[in-house]
Amino acid sequence: KFILCDGALRGGIAEDYQAISNEFRQAGNIFGLKNLGGTCYMNSVLQSLLFTSSLTNYFLLNENTEDSTMKNISVSKEIVASEYLNLLYLLYCGEYNIVTPGPFKQGTYLSATTCLVCTYASHNYEPFICPTLPIPSTNQCTLEDCFKHFNQDEYLINDSRWFCPRCQRLCNGRKRLEIYKLPKILIIQLKR
């Protein structure tokens, strides 16, 4: 089985990847990722990533060593690189026609909840694979409109009040979710 143990393996793999990738594309080989129940969109994203040579080279050539976008993510960059390369290998080696994807978290959400009584704010950082943006209910909208809709404040009132640690009781609150750290290549899923 292929396992990325250390950075020394990357050099040879990078050269092999180019040869395999070109041969694979010319041969028109077909492969798929197993649908784990609602993962078809993620699978299409992963397959697109595999053919994004700049991303693959980013991992293979160890260009991510000093990248500040990868430093504060809860999953270590070596594990991400290893899982990505394992997936590449499984898809290109021809032993499997279906591969079950592993986690591939690149970006970070910032979830901020603010108490509307005492203004206490709680901040949580959550990794994401690709942001899911709601489409505003208008005849036409831009991607920017989708991001604005995604970043709208959600008010926590009535039955959805928030427990404030400072007030020590349920209070009305305001919650906001935004993208804190972007991956080098951003893939967006639109909610329909």
N, C-alpha and C. Protein backbone atom coordinates (compact mmCIF):
# COMPACT_ATOMS: atom_id res chain seq x y z
N LYS A 1 0.83 -1.18 0.00
CA LYS A 1 0.00 0.00 0.00
C LYS A 1 0.87 1.24 0.00
N PHE A 2 0.41 2.28 -0.65
CA PHE A 2 1.16 3.53 -0.74
C PHE A 2 0.88 4.39 0.48
N ILE A 3 1.92 4.77 1.19
CA ILE A 3 1.79 5.68 2.33
C ILE A 3 2.91 6.69 2.24
N LEU A 4 2.56 7.95 2.37
CA LEU A 4 3.57 9.00 2.35
C LEU A 4 4.17 9.09 3.75
N CYS A 5 5.42 8.69 3.88
CA CYS A 5 6.06 8.66 5.20
C CYS A 5 6.82 9.93 5.50
N ASP A 6 7.49 10.48 4.52
CA ASP A 6 8.25 11.70 4.77
C ASP A 6 8.39 12.47 3.48
N GLY A 7 8.93 13.67 3.58
CA GLY A 7 9.08 14.54 2.42
C GLY A 7 9.99 13.98 1.35
N ALA A 8 10.86 13.02 1.68
CA ALA A 8 11.79 12.47 0.70
C ALA A 8 11.07 11.75 -0.43
N LEU A 9 9.89 11.21 -0.15
CA LEU A 9 9.15 10.50 -1.18
C LEU A 9 8.55 11.43 -2.22
N ARG A 10 8.33 12.68 -1.86
CA ARG A 10 7.62 13.60 -2.74
C ARG A 10 8.31 13.84 -4.06
N GLY A 11 9.63 13.97 -4.08
CA GLY A 11 10.35 14.29 -5.32
C GLY A 11 10.08 13.28 -6.41
N GLY A 12 10.26 11.99 -6.11
CA GLY A 12 10.00 10.95 -7.10
C GLY A 12 8.54 10.87 -7.48
N ILE A 13 7.66 11.05 -6.52
CA ILE A 13 6.23 10.98 -6.79
C ILE A 13 5.81 12.11 -7.72
N ALA A 14 6.39 13.29 -7.54
CA ALA A 14 6.03 14.44 -8.39
C ALA A 14 6.31 14.14 -9.85
N GLU A 15 7.47 13.53 -10.12
CA GLU A 15 7.81 13.19 -11.51
C GLU A 15 6.89 12.10 -12.03
N ASP A 16 6.63 11.09 -11.19
CA ASP A 16 5.74 10.00 -11.60
C ASP A 16 4.33 10.51 -11.85
N TYR A 17 3.89 11.46 -11.01
CA TYR A 17 2.54 11.98 -11.16
C TYR A 17 2.33 12.58 -12.54
N GLN A 18 3.29 13.38 -13.01
CA GLN A 18 3.14 13.99 -14.33
C GLN A 18 3.01 12.93 -15.41
N ALA A 19 3.85 11.91 -15.36
CA ALA A 19 3.80 10.85 -16.37
C ALA A 19 2.48 10.07 -16.29
N ILE A 20 2.11 9.69 -15.06
CA ILE A 20 0.87 8.93 -14.87
C ILE A 20 -0.33 9.76 -15.28
N SER A 21 -0.34 11.03 -14.86
CA SER A 21 -1.46 11.92 -15.16
C SER A 21 -1.67 12.06 -16.67
N ASN A 22 -0.58 12.28 -17.41
CA ASN A 22 -0.69 12.42 -18.87
C ASN A 22 -1.17 11.13 -19.50
N GLU A 23 -0.59 10.00 -19.08
CA GLU A 23 -0.98 8.70 -19.62
C GLU A 23 -2.44 8.39 -19.29
N PHE A 24 -2.84 8.71 -18.06
CA PHE A 24 -4.20 8.45 -17.59
C PHE A 24 -5.21 9.24 -18.42
N ARG A 25 -4.93 10.51 -18.66
CA ARG A 25 -5.84 11.36 -19.43
C ARG A 25 -5.94 10.89 -20.88
N GLN A 26 -4.81 10.51 -21.47
CA GLN A 26 -4.81 10.07 -22.87
C GLN A 26 -5.55 8.75 -23.03
N ALA A 27 -5.44 7.87 -22.05
CA ALA A 27 -6.09 6.56 -22.14
C ALA A 27 -7.60 6.66 -21.94
N GLY A 28 -8.06 7.78 -21.38
CA GLY A 28 -9.50 7.96 -21.14
C GLY A 28 -10.04 7.03 -20.07
N ASN A 29 -9.20 6.65 -19.11
CA ASN A 29 -9.64 5.76 -18.03
C ASN A 29 -10.76 6.40 -17.24
N ILE A 30 -11.65 5.57 -16.76
CA ILE A 30 -12.79 6.06 -15.99
C ILE A 30 -12.68 5.49 -14.58
N PHE A 31 -12.94 6.31 -13.60
CA PHE A 31 -12.95 5.86 -12.22
C PHE A 31 -14.04 6.62 -11.50
N GLY A 32 -14.38 6.16 -10.33
CA GLY A 32 -15.41 6.84 -9.57
C GLY A 32 -15.10 6.81 -8.09
N LEU A 33 -15.81 7.63 -7.36
CA LEU A 33 -15.72 7.66 -5.91
C LEU A 33 -17.06 7.18 -5.37
N LYS A 34 -17.03 6.36 -4.36
CA LYS A 34 -18.24 5.78 -3.79
C LYS A 34 -19.10 6.87 -3.15
N ASN A 35 -20.38 6.86 -3.46
CA ASN A 35 -21.31 7.80 -2.84
C ASN A 35 -21.66 7.28 -1.45
N LEU A 36 -21.28 8.03 -0.44
CA LEU A 36 -21.52 7.61 0.95
C LEU A 36 -22.84 8.13 1.48
N GLY A 37 -23.70 8.58 0.59
CA GLY A 37 -24.98 9.15 0.99
C GLY A 37 -24.87 10.65 1.05
N GLY A 38 -25.18 11.32 -0.04
CA GLY A 38 -25.09 12.77 -0.09
C GLY A 38 -23.69 13.29 -0.34
N THR A 39 -22.79 12.46 -0.81
CA THR A 39 -21.42 12.92 -1.05
C THR A 39 -21.12 13.09 -2.53
N CYS A 40 -22.14 13.03 -3.39
CA CYS A 40 -21.87 13.11 -4.83
C CYS A 40 -21.24 14.45 -5.21
N TYR A 41 -21.66 15.54 -4.57
CA TYR A 41 -21.06 16.84 -4.88
C TYR A 41 -19.60 16.88 -4.43
N MET A 42 -19.35 16.36 -3.22
CA MET A 42 -17.98 16.32 -2.73
C MET A 42 -17.11 15.45 -3.64
N ASN A 43 -17.67 14.34 -4.10
CA ASN A 43 -16.92 13.46 -5.00
C ASN A 43 -16.54 14.17 -6.28
N SER A 44 -17.46 14.95 -6.83
CA SER A 44 -17.13 15.68 -8.07
C SER A 44 -16.06 16.72 -7.80
N VAL A 45 -16.09 17.32 -6.62
CA VAL A 45 -15.06 18.29 -6.25
C VAL A 45 -13.70 17.60 -6.14
N LEU A 46 -13.67 16.44 -5.46
CA LEU A 46 -12.41 15.71 -5.32
C LEU A 46 -11.85 15.29 -6.67
N GLN A 47 -12.71 14.83 -7.55
CA GLN A 47 -12.23 14.44 -8.87
C GLN A 47 -11.70 15.66 -9.63
N SER A 48 -12.35 16.81 -9.46
CA SER A 48 -11.85 18.03 -10.09
C SER A 48 -10.49 18.42 -9.52
N LEU A 49 -10.34 18.28 -8.20
CA LEU A 49 -9.07 18.61 -7.55
C LEU A 49 -7.94 17.73 -8.07
N LEU A 50 -8.24 16.47 -8.30
CA LEU A 50 -7.21 15.55 -8.77
C LEU A 50 -6.65 15.96 -10.13
N PHE A 51 -7.45 16.64 -10.92
CA PHE A 51 -6.98 17.09 -12.23
C PHE A 51 -6.56 18.55 -12.21
N THR A 52 -6.45 19.13 -11.02
CA THR A 52 -5.91 20.48 -10.86
C THR A 52 -4.43 20.32 -10.53
N SER A 53 -3.61 20.38 -11.57
CA SER A 53 -2.19 20.05 -11.39
C SER A 53 -1.49 20.99 -10.42
N SER A 54 -1.91 22.26 -10.35
CA SER A 54 -1.24 23.18 -9.43
C SER A 54 -1.44 22.75 -7.98
N LEU A 55 -2.61 22.23 -7.64
CA LEU A 55 -2.86 21.77 -6.28
C LEU A 55 -2.04 20.50 -5.99
N THR A 56 -2.04 19.59 -6.93
CA THR A 56 -1.27 18.36 -6.75
C THR A 56 0.21 18.66 -6.61
N ASN A 57 0.74 19.53 -7.46
CA ASN A 57 2.15 19.92 -7.35
C ASN A 57 2.43 20.61 -6.03
N TYR A 58 1.47 21.37 -5.52
CA TYR A 58 1.60 22.04 -4.23
C TYR A 58 1.93 21.02 -3.13
N PHE A 59 1.22 19.88 -3.13
CA PHE A 59 1.49 18.85 -2.13
C PHE A 59 2.73 18.03 -2.47
N LEU A 60 2.87 17.66 -3.72
CA LEU A 60 3.97 16.78 -4.10
C LEU A 60 5.33 17.43 -3.97
N LEU A 61 5.42 18.70 -4.28
CA LEU A 61 6.71 19.39 -4.27
C LEU A 61 7.01 20.05 -2.93
N ASN A 62 6.17 19.78 -1.93
CA ASN A 62 6.37 20.30 -0.58
C ASN A 62 6.40 21.82 -0.55
N GLU A 63 5.58 22.45 -1.41
CA GLU A 63 5.53 23.91 -1.43
C GLU A 63 4.73 24.47 -0.27
N ASN A 64 4.09 23.61 0.50
CA ASN A 64 3.24 24.07 1.58
C ASN A 64 3.97 24.22 2.91
N THR A 65 5.28 24.10 2.93
CA THR A 65 6.03 24.12 4.19
C THR A 65 5.84 25.42 4.97
N GLU A 66 5.93 26.56 4.30
CA GLU A 66 5.84 27.84 4.99
C GLU A 66 4.52 28.55 4.74
N ASP A 67 3.54 27.87 4.20
CA ASP A 67 2.28 28.50 3.83
C ASP A 67 1.46 28.82 5.07
N SER A 68 1.18 30.09 5.29
CA SER A 68 0.46 30.49 6.49
C SER A 68 -0.99 30.05 6.47
N THR A 69 -1.58 29.80 5.30
CA THR A 69 -2.98 29.36 5.27
C THR A 69 -3.15 27.97 5.84
N MET A 70 -2.08 27.19 5.92
CA MET A 70 -2.20 25.82 6.41
C MET A 70 -1.81 25.70 7.89
N LYS A 71 -1.25 26.73 8.50
CA LYS A 71 -0.67 26.59 9.84
C LYS A 71 -1.71 26.40 10.94
N ASN A 72 -2.86 27.08 10.87
CA ASN A 72 -3.80 27.06 11.97
C ASN A 72 -4.98 26.12 11.75
N ILE A 73 -4.90 25.27 10.76
CA ILE A 73 -5.98 24.33 10.51
C ILE A 73 -5.83 23.15 11.46
N SER A 74 -6.98 22.67 11.97
CA SER A 74 -6.92 21.62 12.99
C SER A 74 -6.31 20.32 12.47
N VAL A 75 -6.40 20.05 11.20
CA VAL A 75 -5.79 18.84 10.62
C VAL A 75 -4.41 19.22 10.14
N SER A 76 -3.39 18.46 10.54
CA SER A 76 -2.03 18.83 10.16
C SER A 76 -1.84 18.72 8.66
N LYS A 77 -0.98 19.58 8.13
CA LYS A 77 -0.76 19.60 6.68
C LYS A 77 -0.15 18.30 6.17
N GLU A 78 0.62 17.62 6.98
CA GLU A 78 1.20 16.36 6.54
C GLU A 78 0.13 15.29 6.36
N ILE A 79 -0.86 15.28 7.24
CA ILE A 79 -1.95 14.31 7.11
C ILE A 79 -2.77 14.61 5.87
N VAL A 80 -3.05 15.90 5.63
CA VAL A 80 -3.81 16.28 4.44
C VAL A 80 -3.05 15.87 3.18
N ALA A 81 -1.75 16.19 3.14
CA ALA A 81 -0.94 15.83 1.98
C ALA A 81 -0.91 14.32 1.80
N SER A 82 -0.75 13.59 2.88
CA SER A 82 -0.70 12.14 2.82
C SER A 82 -2.01 11.56 2.30
N GLU A 83 -3.13 12.03 2.83
CA GLU A 83 -4.43 11.52 2.38
C GLU A 83 -4.68 11.87 0.92
N TYR A 84 -4.31 13.07 0.52
CA TYR A 84 -4.49 13.49 -0.87
C TYR A 84 -3.67 12.60 -1.80
N LEU A 85 -2.42 12.35 -1.44
CA LEU A 85 -1.57 11.51 -2.28
C LEU A 85 -2.04 10.05 -2.27
N ASN A 86 -2.54 9.58 -1.14
CA ASN A 86 -3.10 8.22 -1.12
C ASN A 86 -4.30 8.12 -2.07
N LEU A 87 -5.15 9.13 -2.06
CA LEU A 87 -6.29 9.14 -2.97
C LEU A 87 -5.83 9.18 -4.42
N LEU A 88 -4.84 10.02 -4.71
CA LEU A 88 -4.27 10.06 -6.07
C LEU A 88 -3.79 8.69 -6.49
N TYR A 89 -3.05 8.05 -5.62
CA TYR A 89 -2.49 6.75 -5.94
C TYR A 89 -3.60 5.73 -6.19
N LEU A 90 -4.59 5.69 -5.30
CA LEU A 90 -5.67 4.71 -5.45
C LEU A 90 -6.43 4.90 -6.76
N LEU A 91 -6.60 6.15 -7.16
CA LEU A 91 -7.32 6.41 -8.41
C LEU A 91 -6.49 6.08 -9.63
N TYR A 92 -5.18 6.33 -9.56
CA TYR A 92 -4.33 6.12 -10.73
C TYR A 92 -3.78 4.70 -10.85
N CYS A 93 -3.72 3.96 -9.77
CA CYS A 93 -3.05 2.66 -9.81
C CYS A 93 -3.83 1.60 -10.58
N GLY A 94 -5.13 1.79 -10.74
CA GLY A 94 -5.92 0.85 -11.52
C GLY A 94 -6.42 -0.36 -10.73
N GLU A 95 -6.08 -0.45 -9.44
CA GLU A 95 -6.52 -1.59 -8.64
C GLU A 95 -7.99 -1.47 -8.24
N TYR A 96 -8.49 -0.26 -8.20
CA TYR A 96 -9.85 -0.02 -7.73
C TYR A 96 -10.61 0.76 -8.79
N ASN A 97 -11.92 0.51 -8.88
CA ASN A 97 -12.73 1.36 -9.74
C ASN A 97 -13.62 2.27 -8.92
N ILE A 98 -13.62 2.06 -7.60
CA ILE A 98 -14.33 2.96 -6.68
C ILE A 98 -13.42 3.19 -5.48
N VAL A 99 -13.31 4.44 -5.06
CA VAL A 99 -12.50 4.79 -3.90
C VAL A 99 -13.37 5.55 -2.92
N THR A 100 -13.29 5.21 -1.65
CA THR A 100 -14.01 5.94 -0.62
C THR A 100 -13.13 7.10 -0.16
N PRO A 101 -13.61 8.35 -0.29
CA PRO A 101 -12.77 9.51 0.03
C PRO A 101 -12.55 9.68 1.52
N GLY A 102 -11.37 10.16 1.87
CA GLY A 102 -11.06 10.52 3.25
C GLY A 102 -11.31 12.02 3.44
N PRO A 103 -11.14 12.52 4.65
CA PRO A 103 -11.37 13.95 4.88
C PRO A 103 -10.33 14.80 4.17
N PHE A 104 -10.75 15.94 3.65
CA PHE A 104 -9.85 16.86 2.95
C PHE A 104 -10.26 18.28 3.33
N LYS A 105 -9.80 18.72 4.51
CA LYS A 105 -10.21 20.03 5.02
C LYS A 105 -9.12 21.06 4.77
N GLN A 106 -9.49 22.13 4.10
CA GLN A 106 -8.50 23.14 3.73
C GLN A 106 -8.76 24.49 4.37
N GLY A 107 -9.99 24.91 4.41
CA GLY A 107 -10.30 26.25 4.87
C GLY A 107 -10.83 26.23 6.29
N THR A 108 -11.08 27.43 6.83
CA THR A 108 -11.57 27.54 8.19
C THR A 108 -12.70 28.56 8.26
N TYR A 109 -13.82 28.15 8.86
CA TYR A 109 -14.91 29.06 9.16
C TYR A 109 -14.65 29.72 10.51
N LEU A 110 -15.14 30.93 10.68
CA LEU A 110 -15.20 31.58 11.98
C LEU A 110 -16.67 31.75 12.31
N SER A 111 -17.10 31.13 13.39
CA SER A 111 -18.47 31.25 13.87
C SER A 111 -18.43 32.15 15.10
N ALA A 112 -19.08 33.31 15.01
CA ALA A 112 -19.08 34.27 16.12
C ALA A 112 -20.52 34.44 16.62
N THR A 113 -20.71 34.22 17.92
CA THR A 113 -22.02 34.41 18.54
C THR A 113 -21.88 35.49 19.59
N THR A 114 -22.76 36.48 19.52
CA THR A 114 -22.70 37.63 20.43
C THR A 114 -23.98 37.73 21.23
N CYS A 115 -23.85 37.91 22.54
CA CYS A 115 -24.99 38.11 23.42
C CYS A 115 -25.54 39.52 23.20
N LEU A 116 -26.84 39.63 22.99
CA LEU A 116 -27.44 40.95 22.78
C LEU A 116 -27.77 41.66 24.09
N VAL A 117 -27.50 41.00 25.23
CA VAL A 117 -27.72 41.61 26.53
C VAL A 117 -26.43 42.25 27.04
N CYS A 118 -25.33 41.48 27.07
CA CYS A 118 -24.07 41.97 27.65
C CYS A 118 -22.95 42.15 26.63
N THR A 119 -23.19 41.83 25.38
CA THR A 119 -22.24 41.92 24.25
C THR A 119 -21.06 40.95 24.34
N TYR A 120 -21.15 39.93 25.22
CA TYR A 120 -20.13 38.88 25.25
C TYR A 120 -20.11 38.19 23.89
N ALA A 121 -18.91 37.89 23.40
CA ALA A 121 -18.79 37.22 22.09
C ALA A 121 -18.01 35.92 22.24
N SER A 122 -18.53 34.88 21.62
CA SER A 122 -17.88 33.58 21.57
C SER A 122 -17.43 33.32 20.14
N HIS A 123 -16.18 32.86 19.97
CA HIS A 123 -15.63 32.59 18.64
C HIS A 123 -15.20 31.13 18.54
N ASN A 124 -15.66 30.47 17.49
CA ASN A 124 -15.28 29.08 17.22
C ASN A 124 -14.75 28.98 15.80
N TYR A 125 -13.70 28.19 15.63
CA TYR A 125 -13.11 27.97 14.31
C TYR A 125 -13.41 26.54 13.89
N GLU A 126 -13.93 26.39 12.68
CA GLU A 126 -14.33 25.08 12.19
C GLU A 126 -13.74 24.85 10.80
N PRO A 127 -13.13 23.69 10.56
CA PRO A 127 -12.59 23.40 9.22
C PRO A 127 -13.72 23.11 8.24
N PHE A 128 -13.47 23.37 6.96
CA PHE A 128 -14.45 23.02 5.93
C PHE A 128 -13.76 22.49 4.70
N ILE A 129 -14.50 21.70 3.94
CA ILE A 129 -14.01 21.17 2.67
C ILE A 129 -14.27 22.19 1.58
N CYS A 130 -15.52 22.56 1.41
CA CYS A 130 -15.87 23.63 0.48
C CYS A 130 -17.11 24.31 1.04
N PRO A 131 -17.14 25.63 1.00
CA PRO A 131 -18.29 26.33 1.57
C PRO A 131 -19.55 26.07 0.75
N THR A 132 -20.66 25.93 1.45
CA THR A 132 -21.95 25.76 0.80
C THR A 132 -22.68 27.09 0.91
N LEU A 133 -22.87 27.75 -0.23
CA LEU A 133 -23.48 29.07 -0.24
C LEU A 133 -24.95 28.97 -0.63
N PRO A 134 -25.83 29.61 0.15
CA PRO A 134 -27.24 29.64 -0.24
C PRO A 134 -27.43 30.60 -1.41
N ILE A 135 -28.38 30.29 -2.26
CA ILE A 135 -28.69 31.17 -3.39
C ILE A 135 -29.87 32.04 -2.96
N PRO A 136 -29.71 33.37 -2.97
CA PRO A 136 -30.82 34.25 -2.60
C PRO A 136 -32.00 34.04 -3.55
N SER A 137 -33.20 34.20 -3.02
CA SER A 137 -34.39 33.98 -3.85
C SER A 137 -34.70 35.23 -4.68
N THR A 138 -33.93 35.42 -5.72
CA THR A 138 -34.14 36.50 -6.69
C THR A 138 -34.02 35.90 -8.08
N ASN A 139 -34.47 36.64 -9.08
CA ASN A 139 -34.39 36.14 -10.45
C ASN A 139 -32.96 35.97 -10.91
N GLN A 140 -32.10 36.90 -10.55
CA GLN A 140 -30.69 36.84 -10.92
C GLN A 140 -29.84 37.19 -9.70
N CYS A 141 -28.72 36.53 -9.60
CA CYS A 141 -27.79 36.87 -8.52
C CYS A 141 -26.38 36.54 -8.96
N THR A 142 -25.44 37.19 -8.31
CA THR A 142 -24.03 36.95 -8.59
C THR A 142 -23.45 36.09 -7.47
N LEU A 143 -22.23 35.64 -7.66
CA LEU A 143 -21.54 34.90 -6.62
C LEU A 143 -21.35 35.79 -5.39
N GLU A 144 -21.11 37.06 -5.62
CA GLU A 144 -20.98 38.02 -4.51
C GLU A 144 -22.27 38.08 -3.70
N ASP A 145 -23.42 38.06 -4.38
CA ASP A 145 -24.71 38.04 -3.68
C ASP A 145 -24.84 36.80 -2.80
N CYS A 146 -24.37 35.67 -3.31
CA CYS A 146 -24.41 34.42 -2.54
C CYS A 146 -23.54 34.52 -1.29
N PHE A 147 -22.35 35.12 -1.41
CA PHE A 147 -21.48 35.32 -0.24
C PHE A 147 -22.12 36.26 0.77
N LYS A 148 -22.75 37.33 0.30
CA LYS A 148 -23.43 38.27 1.21
C LYS A 148 -24.55 37.55 1.97
N HIS A 149 -25.30 36.73 1.25
CA HIS A 149 -26.38 35.97 1.88
C HIS A 149 -25.82 34.98 2.91
N PHE A 150 -24.70 34.35 2.59
CA PHE A 150 -24.02 33.41 3.48
C PHE A 150 -23.57 34.10 4.77
N ASN A 151 -23.09 35.35 4.65
CA ASN A 151 -22.55 36.08 5.79
C ASN A 151 -23.59 36.86 6.59
N GLN A 152 -24.86 36.72 6.26
CA GLN A 152 -25.89 37.46 6.99
C GLN A 152 -25.97 36.99 8.44
N ASP A 153 -26.26 37.94 9.31
CA ASP A 153 -26.44 37.61 10.72
C ASP A 153 -27.69 36.76 10.91
N GLU A 154 -27.59 35.81 11.84
CA GLU A 154 -28.74 35.00 12.23
C GLU A 154 -29.06 35.40 13.67
N TYR A 155 -30.31 35.78 13.91
CA TYR A 155 -30.69 36.20 15.25
C TYR A 155 -31.26 35.03 16.02
N LEU A 156 -30.71 34.82 17.21
CA LEU A 156 -31.11 33.71 18.08
C LEU A 156 -32.09 34.26 19.11
N ILE A 157 -33.37 34.10 18.83
CA ILE A 157 -34.41 34.65 19.71
C ILE A 157 -35.47 33.58 19.97
N ASN A 158 -36.36 33.88 20.90
CA ASN A 158 -37.46 32.98 21.28
C ASN A 158 -36.94 31.58 21.59
N ASP A 159 -37.36 30.58 20.84
CA ASP A 159 -36.97 29.19 21.13
C ASP A 159 -35.52 28.88 20.78
N SER A 160 -34.87 29.73 20.03
CA SER A 160 -33.48 29.45 19.65
C SER A 160 -32.50 30.38 20.37
N ARG A 161 -32.89 30.86 21.57
CA ARG A 161 -31.98 31.72 22.33
C ARG A 161 -30.71 30.96 22.69
N TRP A 162 -29.68 31.72 22.96
CA TRP A 162 -28.33 31.21 23.19
C TRP A 162 -28.00 31.31 24.67
N PHE A 163 -27.30 30.30 25.23
CA PHE A 163 -26.86 30.37 26.62
C PHE A 163 -25.58 31.18 26.69
N CYS A 164 -25.66 32.34 27.32
CA CYS A 164 -24.50 33.23 27.46
C CYS A 164 -23.70 32.83 28.70
N PRO A 165 -22.41 32.53 28.53
CA PRO A 165 -21.58 32.16 29.69
C PRO A 165 -21.41 33.29 30.69
N ARG A 166 -21.44 34.53 30.23
CA ARG A 166 -21.28 35.67 31.14
C ARG A 166 -22.56 35.93 31.93
N CYS A 167 -23.71 35.95 31.23
CA CYS A 167 -25.00 36.21 31.90
C CYS A 167 -25.50 34.99 32.67
N GLN A 168 -24.98 33.80 32.33
CA GLN A 168 -25.39 32.54 32.94
C GLN A 168 -26.89 32.26 32.78
N ARG A 169 -27.41 32.61 31.59
CA ARG A 169 -28.82 32.32 31.28
C ARG A 169 -29.02 32.38 29.78
N LEU A 170 -30.19 31.92 29.33
CA LEU A 170 -30.53 32.02 27.92
C LEU A 170 -30.80 33.47 27.56
N CYS A 171 -30.14 33.94 26.50
CA CYS A 171 -30.28 35.32 26.06
C CYS A 171 -30.49 35.36 24.55
N ASN A 172 -31.06 36.45 24.08
CA ASN A 172 -31.10 36.68 22.64
C ASN A 172 -29.67 36.90 22.17
N GLY A 173 -29.38 36.39 20.99
CA GLY A 173 -28.02 36.52 20.47
C GLY A 173 -28.01 36.73 18.97
N ARG A 174 -26.82 36.98 18.49
CA ARG A 174 -26.60 37.16 17.04
C ARG A 174 -25.45 36.24 16.65
N LYS A 175 -25.67 35.43 15.62
CA LYS A 175 -24.65 34.50 15.16
C LYS A 175 -24.26 34.86 13.73
N ARG A 176 -22.97 34.80 13.48
CA ARG A 176 -22.46 35.10 12.14
C ARG A 176 -21.41 34.06 11.78
N LEU A 177 -21.54 33.51 10.57
CA LEU A 177 -20.58 32.54 10.06
C LEU A 177 -19.88 33.17 8.87
N GLU A 178 -18.56 33.16 8.90
CA GLU A 178 -17.80 33.70 7.77
C GLU A 178 -16.57 32.85 7.52
N ILE A 179 -16.02 33.03 6.34
CA ILE A 179 -14.81 32.29 6.00
C ILE A 179 -13.62 33.04 6.58
N TYR A 180 -12.90 32.36 7.48
CA TYR A 180 -11.77 32.97 8.18
C TYR A 180 -10.48 32.79 7.39
N LYS A 181 -10.25 31.58 6.91
CA LYS A 181 -9.05 31.29 6.10
C LYS A 181 -9.48 30.61 4.82
N LEU A 182 -9.01 31.14 3.71
CA LEU A 182 -9.31 30.56 2.40
C LEU A 182 -8.24 29.56 2.00
N PRO A 183 -8.65 28.50 1.32
CA PRO A 183 -7.65 27.61 0.72
C PRO A 183 -7.05 28.27 -0.51
N LYS A 184 -5.95 27.73 -1.01
CA LYS A 184 -5.34 28.29 -2.22
C LYS A 184 -6.29 28.21 -3.40
N ILE A 185 -6.99 27.10 -3.51
CA ILE A 185 -7.99 26.92 -4.56
C ILE A 185 -9.33 26.75 -3.87
N LEU A 186 -10.22 27.71 -4.08
CA LEU A 186 -11.52 27.69 -3.42
C LEU A 186 -12.55 27.03 -4.32
N ILE A 187 -13.20 26.03 -3.78
CA ILE A 187 -14.28 25.34 -4.49
C ILE A 187 -15.56 25.64 -3.72
N ILE A 188 -16.57 26.08 -4.44
CA ILE A 188 -17.81 26.52 -3.81
C ILE A 188 -18.95 25.62 -4.24
N GLN A 189 -19.77 25.24 -3.27
CA GLN A 189 -20.99 24.48 -3.56
C GLN A 189 -22.16 25.43 -3.36
N LEU A 190 -23.07 25.45 -4.32
CA LEU A 190 -24.26 26.30 -4.22
C LEU A 190 -25.44 25.46 -3.76
N LYS A 191 -26.16 25.94 -2.72
CA LYS A 191 -27.36 25.26 -2.23
C LYS A 191 -28.50 25.57 -3.18
N ARG A 192 -29.21 24.54 -3.59
CA ARG A 192 -30.37 24.84 -4.43
C ARG A 192 -31.64 24.70 -3.67
